[in-house]
Every structure is written in structure tokens, then in C-alpha cells.
Amino acid sequence: MTGDRPPRRTWKDAAAPSLADFEALASAAFAALPEHFRALCADLVIRVEDFPTDEVLDAMHLKSEFDLLGLFQGVGLPFQAPSAPTAMPNMIWLYRRPILDYWADHEDTLGDIVTHVLVHEIGHHFGLSDDDIDAIEASAD
């Protein structure tokens, strides 16, 4: 009757999700956002890296490269001015290894964590502070 059971999963060939896997998760999370939010993010660049750079760690006074799951860099939409010189595009960074570390210690799915970090950083693109984003999340819970 072994044919009736699903195949047993073995861990010997399992690997941590790659940068490409994270890019696919972030892409799926972004695609699931409402269209009007995605439209406001038309010029937003989303990147996945293993860790933040040393410059980011220094600028944010972080003790460990595992202390930051994601980062928004740029000028939030409410603060942009048509008369301002052309700047680099707004960017969101998702950091694979810190997210995996967080996932290992929590019960949330990896997809939920990636979505949460992405939406949090998009909140900064919209000009929201961490406190604003926390208040929105608390009211949604």
C-alpha cells in the first residue's frame, strides 16, 4: 500500500532558499498587492542580497549584519519635488540571510515574512515612519 502514501520527504538534498528563490517570493508578494499600490511603486527597484553592506551597517549603527531584514533607500513619495534634480531610483533591499535567521526563530511562513518586510519597506516609499507602519499593522491585527 505504499503507492497510496505521498512520497516521504528527505532532508538530505534540501537547501536554503537561494537569492533567486527570494526574488521569486518578493515578486509574488509584490504581485499580490492591490493594483493602486503597485502603480505608486512603478519606479521602485526591489533587490535581494544576502546581507546589508558594511556602509549600511555603519550608517545605521547596527552591531550585526543579522539586525536588518530590509531597507528602503531613497526619497519617499510625499517628499519628492518635480523641481528636484533627477536622483537614483527608490530602492528596497531584502536581506536573505537575516530573513532566514528570523524565520528559523518564528512560526510565520517564509512567504509571510518576506511579504511583511516588503510591505514595511514600501511603507517607507510612501513616506511612512516605522511608528506609522507599526500603528497601521496594530490596527489591522
C-alpha atoms as a PDB file:
ATOM      1  CA  MET A   1       0.000   0.000   0.000  1.00  0.00           C
ATOM      2  CA  THR A   2       2.962   2.335  -0.218  1.00  0.00           C
ATOM      3  CA  GLY A   3       1.581   3.624  -3.506  1.00  0.00           C
ATOM      4  CA  ASP A   4      -1.276   5.338  -1.630  1.00  0.00           C
ATOM      5  CA  ARG A   5       1.021   7.427   0.536  1.00  0.00           C
ATOM      6  CA  PRO A   6       2.726  10.581  -0.686  1.00  0.00           C
ATOM      7  CA  PRO A   7       6.468  10.209  -1.085  1.00  0.00           C
ATOM      8  CA  ARG A   8       8.361  10.716   2.144  1.00  0.00           C
ATOM      9  CA  ARG A   9      10.352  13.916   2.149  1.00  0.00           C
ATOM     10  CA  THR A  10      14.013  13.584   2.876  1.00  0.00           C
ATOM     11  CA  TRP A  11      16.178  16.463   4.004  1.00  0.00           C
ATOM     12  CA  LYS A  12      19.464  15.226   2.581  1.00  0.00           C
ATOM     13  CA  ASP A  13      19.011  17.262  -0.625  1.00  0.00           C
ATOM     14  CA  ALA A  14      17.233  20.257   0.916  1.00  0.00           C
ATOM     15  CA  ALA A  15      18.938  23.630   0.628  1.00  0.00           C
ATOM     16  CA  ALA A  16      18.169  27.066   1.985  1.00  0.00           C
ATOM     17  CA  PRO A  17      16.205  29.240  -0.428  1.00  0.00           C
ATOM     18  CA  SER A  18      18.591  30.982  -2.800  1.00  0.00           C
ATOM     19  CA  LEU A  19      18.715  34.643  -3.791  1.00  0.00           C
ATOM     20  CA  ALA A  20      16.689  33.679  -6.877  1.00  0.00           C
ATOM     21  CA  ASP A  21      14.107  31.950  -4.649  1.00  0.00           C
ATOM     22  CA  PHE A  22      13.836  35.123  -2.563  1.00  0.00           C
ATOM     23  CA  GLU A  23      13.454  37.232  -5.693  1.00  0.00           C
ATOM     24  CA  ALA A  24      10.584  34.959  -6.742  1.00  0.00           C
ATOM     25  CA  LEU A  25       8.988  35.275  -3.274  1.00  0.00           C
ATOM     26  CA  ALA A  26       9.325  39.068  -3.372  1.00  0.00           C
ATOM     27  CA  SER A  27       7.928  39.199  -6.901  1.00  0.00           C
ATOM     28  CA  ALA A  28       4.921  37.089  -5.895  1.00  0.00           C
ATOM     29  CA  ALA A  29       4.365  39.225  -2.773  1.00  0.00           C
ATOM     30  CA  PHE A  30       4.526  42.409  -4.832  1.00  0.00           C
ATOM     31  CA  ALA A  31       2.163  40.993  -7.481  1.00  0.00           C
ATOM     32  CA  ALA A  32      -0.374  40.186  -4.739  1.00  0.00           C
ATOM     33  CA  LEU A  33      -0.565  43.827  -3.617  1.00  0.00           C
ATOM     34  CA  PRO A  34      -3.557  45.889  -4.768  1.00  0.00           C
ATOM     35  CA  GLU A  35      -3.049  47.423  -8.214  1.00  0.00           C
ATOM     36  CA  HIS A  36      -3.276  51.036  -6.968  1.00  0.00           C
ATOM     37  CA  PHE A  37      -0.360  50.395  -4.560  1.00  0.00           C
ATOM     38  CA  ARG A  38       1.699  48.723  -7.276  1.00  0.00           C
ATOM     39  CA  ALA A  39       1.039  51.691  -9.571  1.00  0.00           C
ATOM     40  CA  LEU A  40       2.538  54.027  -6.944  1.00  0.00           C
ATOM     41  CA  CYS A  41       5.626  51.798  -6.927  1.00  0.00           C
ATOM     42  CA  ALA A  42       6.198  51.890 -10.689  1.00  0.00           C
ATOM     43  CA  ASP A  43       9.759  53.229 -10.417  1.00  0.00           C
ATOM     44  CA  LEU A  44      10.656  51.328  -7.233  1.00  0.00           C
ATOM     45  CA  VAL A  45      13.528  48.853  -7.564  1.00  0.00           C
ATOM     46  CA  ILE A  46      13.430  45.751  -5.355  1.00  0.00           C
ATOM     47  CA  ARG A  47      16.731  43.946  -4.751  1.00  0.00           C
ATOM     48  CA  VAL A  48      17.648  40.875  -2.742  1.00  0.00           C
ATOM     49  CA  GLU A  49      21.092  40.466  -1.208  1.00  0.00           C
ATOM     50  CA  ASP A  50      22.487  38.129   1.414  1.00  0.00           C
ATOM     51  CA  PHE A  51      23.408  40.922   3.860  1.00  0.00           C
ATOM     52  CA  PRO A  52      23.430  44.717   4.111  1.00  0.00           C
ATOM     53  CA  THR A  53      26.690  46.378   3.145  1.00  0.00           C
ATOM     54  CA  ASP A  54      29.199  47.493   5.760  1.00  0.00           C
ATOM     55  CA  GLU A  55      28.313  51.101   4.865  1.00  0.00           C
ATOM     56  CA  VAL A  56      24.646  50.465   5.718  1.00  0.00           C
ATOM     57  CA  LEU A  57      25.569  48.732   8.975  1.00  0.00           C
ATOM     58  CA  ASP A  58      27.822  51.642   9.954  1.00  0.00           C
ATOM     59  CA  ALA A  59      25.290  54.316   8.963  1.00  0.00           C
ATOM     60  CA  MET A  60      22.541  52.615  10.959  1.00  0.00           C
ATOM     61  CA  HIS A  61      24.840  51.844  13.924  1.00  0.00           C
ATOM     62  CA  LEU A  62      23.988  48.145  13.782  1.00  0.00           C
ATOM     63  CA  LYS A  63      26.068  45.604  15.682  1.00  0.00           C
ATOM     64  CA  SER A  64      25.391  42.641  13.398  1.00  0.00           C
ATOM     65  CA  GLU A  65      24.531  42.050   9.767  1.00  0.00           C
ATOM     66  CA  PHE A  66      21.612  39.953  11.077  1.00  0.00           C
ATOM     67  CA  ASP A  67      19.960  43.011  12.682  1.00  0.00           C
ATOM     68  CA  LEU A  68      18.363  44.295   9.457  1.00  0.00           C
ATOM     69  CA  LEU A  69      15.795  42.362   7.396  1.00  0.00           C
ATOM     70  CA  GLY A  70      15.114  45.029   4.802  1.00  0.00           C
ATOM     71  CA  LEU A  71      15.857  48.630   3.899  1.00  0.00           C
ATOM     72  CA  PHE A  72      14.283  51.447   1.911  1.00  0.00           C
ATOM     73  CA  GLN A  73      16.729  53.851   0.280  1.00  0.00           C
ATOM     74  CA  GLY A  74      15.546  56.942  -1.497  1.00  0.00           C
ATOM     75  CA  VAL A  75      13.135  59.814  -1.117  1.00  0.00           C
ATOM     76  CA  GLY A  76       9.609  58.906  -0.024  1.00  0.00           C
ATOM     77  CA  LEU A  77       6.842  59.874  -2.441  1.00  0.00           C
ATOM     78  CA  PRO A  78       5.472  62.748  -0.308  1.00  0.00           C
ATOM     79  CA  PHE A  79       8.932  64.311  -0.135  1.00  0.00           C
ATOM     80  CA  GLN A  80       9.711  64.251  -3.843  1.00  0.00           C
ATOM     81  CA  ALA A  81       9.604  67.528  -5.766  1.00  0.00           C
ATOM     82  CA  PRO A  82       9.295  67.926  -9.524  1.00  0.00           C
ATOM     83  CA  SER A  83      11.940  70.658  -9.420  1.00  0.00           C
ATOM     84  CA  ALA A  84      14.481  68.424  -7.670  1.00  0.00           C
ATOM     85  CA  PRO A  85      17.352  67.063  -9.737  1.00  0.00           C
ATOM     86  CA  THR A  86      16.950  63.543 -11.020  1.00  0.00           C
ATOM     87  CA  ALA A  87      18.022  61.157  -8.295  1.00  0.00           C
ATOM     88  CA  MET A  88      18.709  57.478  -8.131  1.00  0.00           C
ATOM     89  CA  PRO A  89      15.538  55.392  -8.153  1.00  0.00           C
ATOM     90  CA  ASN A  90      13.960  54.481  -4.836  1.00  0.00           C
ATOM     91  CA  MET A  91      15.139  51.036  -3.808  1.00  0.00           C
ATOM     92  CA  ILE A  92      14.060  48.346  -1.400  1.00  0.00           C
ATOM     93  CA  TRP A  93      16.594  45.822  -0.198  1.00  0.00           C
ATOM     94  CA  LEU A  94      15.555  42.463   1.249  1.00  0.00           C
ATOM     95  CA  TYR A  95      18.323  40.653   3.105  1.00  0.00           C
ATOM     96  CA  ARG A  96      18.119  36.889   2.642  1.00  0.00           C
ATOM     97  CA  ARG A  97      20.295  35.612   5.481  1.00  0.00           C
ATOM     98  CA  PRO A  98      18.777  37.801   8.249  1.00  0.00           C
ATOM     99  CA  ILE A  99      15.285  36.893   6.993  1.00  0.00           C
ATOM    100  CA  LEU A 100      16.187  33.186   7.086  1.00  0.00           C
ATOM    101  CA  ASP A 101      17.550  33.632  10.605  1.00  0.00           C
ATOM    102  CA  TYR A 102      14.323  35.349  11.694  1.00  0.00           C
ATOM    103  CA  TRP A 103      12.272  32.590  10.040  1.00  0.00           C
ATOM    104  CA  ALA A 104      14.171  29.910  11.974  1.00  0.00           C
ATOM    105  CA  ASP A 105      13.098  31.516  15.274  1.00  0.00           C
ATOM    106  CA  HIS A 106       9.443  32.234  14.431  1.00  0.00           C
ATOM    107  CA  GLU A 107       6.382  30.319  13.340  1.00  0.00           C
ATOM    108  CA  ASP A 108       5.494  32.561  10.396  1.00  0.00           C
ATOM    109  CA  THR A 109       5.928  31.148   6.920  1.00  0.00           C
ATOM    110  CA  LEU A 110       8.851  32.389   4.889  1.00  0.00           C
ATOM    111  CA  GLY A 111       6.434  33.874   2.368  1.00  0.00           C
ATOM    112  CA  ASP A 112       4.643  35.799   5.125  1.00  0.00           C
ATOM    113  CA  ILE A 113       7.922  37.183   6.457  1.00  0.00           C
ATOM    114  CA  VAL A 114       9.139  38.274   3.019  1.00  0.00           C
ATOM    115  CA  THR A 115       5.747  39.890   2.371  1.00  0.00           C
ATOM    116  CA  HIS A 116       5.820  41.666   5.736  1.00  0.00           C
ATOM    117  CA  VAL A 117       9.319  43.063   5.180  1.00  0.00           C
ATOM    118  CA  LEU A 118       8.481  44.112   1.617  1.00  0.00           C
ATOM    119  CA  VAL A 119       5.257  45.867   2.644  1.00  0.00           C
ATOM    120  CA  HIS A 120       7.061  47.546   5.562  1.00  0.00           C
ATOM    121  CA  GLU A 121       9.715  48.949   3.212  1.00  0.00           C
ATOM    122  CA  ILE A 122       7.055  50.016   0.678  1.00  0.00           C
ATOM    123  CA  GLY A 123       5.503  51.943   3.576  1.00  0.00           C
ATOM    124  CA  HIS A 124       8.720  53.961   3.760  1.00  0.00           C
ATOM    125  CA  HIS A 125       8.463  54.562  -0.015  1.00  0.00           C
ATOM    126  CA  PHE A 126       5.037  56.077   0.739  1.00  0.00           C
ATOM    127  CA  GLY A 127       6.711  58.336   3.322  1.00  0.00           C
ATOM    128  CA  LEU A 128       5.556  56.478   6.436  1.00  0.00           C
ATOM    129  CA  SER A 129       7.749  56.224   9.520  1.00  0.00           C
ATOM    130  CA  ASP A 130       8.340  52.984  11.445  1.00  0.00           C
ATOM    131  CA  ASP A 131       5.846  54.230  14.066  1.00  0.00           C
ATOM    132  CA  ASP A 132       3.225  54.927  11.353  1.00  0.00           C
ATOM    133  CA  ILE A 133       3.721  51.440   9.887  1.00  0.00           C
ATOM    134  CA  ASP A 134       3.562  49.799  13.338  1.00  0.00           C
ATOM    135  CA  ALA A 135       0.289  51.639  14.087  1.00  0.00           C
ATOM    136  CA  ILE A 136      -1.229  50.502  10.781  1.00  0.00           C
ATOM    137  CA  GLU A 137      -0.172  46.891  11.456  1.00  0.00           C
ATOM    138  CA  ALA A 138      -1.542  47.029  15.011  1.00  0.00           C
ATOM    139  CA  SER A 139      -4.907  48.311  13.778  1.00  0.00           C
ATOM    140  CA  ALA A 140      -5.037  45.553  11.155  1.00  0.00           C
ATOM    141  CA  ASP A 141      -4.384  42.750  13.676  1.00  0.00           C
END
